[in-house]
Amino acid sequence: TTNLRQLCSGPGKLTQALAITLDLSGTRLGQTLSLRPAATPPNSTLIAAGPRVGISKAIDHPWRFYLKDNPFVSGKRL
């Protein structure tokens, strides 16, 4: 996409942007992909939590975390 706000707006697009394919299914995360914390972690007051989008089970759990006011967050924000 040429719209950077849509580049990683969902798990499917994120895995596509990171070149994560089904060939990696069942692979341990540390064997293939290494995630490191940001050099400067965000202040916890900037982190929002809400229900995940597009699921029908456990919708009462706040399992969606994002930075408040981040223009790259897709969907409804609380």
Protein backbone atom coordinates (compact mmCIF):
# COMPACT_ATOMS: atom_id res chain seq x y z
CA THR A 1 0.00 0.00 0.00
CA THR A 2 1.06 3.57 -0.48
CA ASN A 3 -1.02 4.68 2.50
CA LEU A 4 1.36 4.27 5.46
CA ARG A 5 -1.55 4.51 7.93
CA GLN A 6 -2.90 1.25 6.47
CA LEU A 7 0.43 -0.60 6.28
CA CYS A 8 0.07 -2.52 9.55
CA SER A 9 -3.58 -1.92 10.42
CA GLY A 10 -4.38 -5.43 11.52
CA PRO A 11 -2.67 -8.74 12.21
CA GLY A 12 -2.80 -9.90 8.59
CA LYS A 13 -1.23 -6.73 7.25
CA LEU A 14 1.35 -6.69 10.04
CA THR A 15 2.49 -10.23 9.33
CA GLN A 16 2.63 -9.43 5.62
CA ALA A 17 4.73 -6.31 6.29
CA LEU A 18 7.11 -8.39 8.44
CA ALA A 19 7.24 -11.19 5.82
CA ILE A 20 5.79 -13.72 8.28
CA THR A 21 4.18 -16.53 6.27
CA LEU A 22 2.38 -19.76 7.10
CA ASP A 23 5.69 -21.54 6.47
CA LEU A 24 6.64 -20.31 9.95
CA SER A 25 3.57 -21.84 11.61
CA GLY A 26 4.64 -23.79 14.70
CA THR A 27 8.11 -22.21 14.76
CA ARG A 28 9.25 -20.83 18.08
CA LEU A 29 9.25 -17.05 18.03
CA GLY A 30 12.87 -16.70 19.14
CA GLN A 31 14.13 -19.00 16.37
CA THR A 32 12.88 -16.83 13.53
CA LEU A 33 11.86 -13.41 14.74
CA SER A 34 13.37 -11.30 17.46
CA LEU A 35 11.36 -8.50 19.02
CA ARG A 36 13.23 -5.92 21.05
CA PRO A 37 11.82 -3.23 23.29
CA ALA A 38 11.90 0.33 22.01
CA ALA A 39 14.96 2.38 22.93
CA THR A 40 12.63 4.66 24.86
CA PRO A 41 9.55 2.80 26.11
CA PRO A 42 6.32 4.81 25.97
CA ASN A 43 5.03 6.34 29.15
CA SER A 44 2.36 4.00 30.55
CA THR A 45 -0.17 6.86 30.58
CA LEU A 46 0.07 6.89 26.77
CA ILE A 47 -1.00 3.24 26.45
CA ALA A 48 -4.69 2.51 25.92
CA ALA A 49 -6.48 -0.83 26.21
CA GLY A 50 -9.78 -1.96 24.82
CA PRO A 51 -11.62 -4.95 23.37
CA ARG A 52 -10.18 -6.65 20.32
CA VAL A 53 -11.82 -5.93 17.01
CA GLY A 54 -13.69 -8.56 15.01
CA ILE A 55 -13.94 -11.37 17.57
CA SER A 56 -16.99 -12.94 19.16
CA LYS A 57 -15.45 -14.69 22.18
CA ALA A 58 -13.93 -13.03 25.24
CA ILE A 59 -15.01 -9.63 23.98
CA ASP A 60 -15.09 -8.29 27.54
CA HIS A 61 -11.29 -8.66 27.90
CA PRO A 62 -9.16 -5.61 27.07
CA TRP A 63 -6.68 -7.54 24.89
CA ARG A 64 -6.04 -4.74 22.40
CA PHE A 65 -3.26 -2.37 23.40
CA TYR A 66 -2.17 0.70 21.48
CA LEU A 67 -0.67 4.16 21.88
CA LYS A 68 -3.31 6.82 22.46
CA ASP A 69 -3.78 9.22 19.55
CA ASN A 70 -1.50 7.17 17.29
CA PRO A 71 -2.69 7.73 13.70
CA PHE A 72 -1.58 4.22 12.70
CA VAL A 73 -4.10 2.47 14.97
CA SER A 74 -6.96 1.09 12.96
CA GLY A 75 -10.58 0.80 13.93
CA LYS A 76 -12.46 2.12 16.91
CA ARG A 77 -10.46 3.57 19.79
CA LEU A 78 -11.76 3.94 23.33
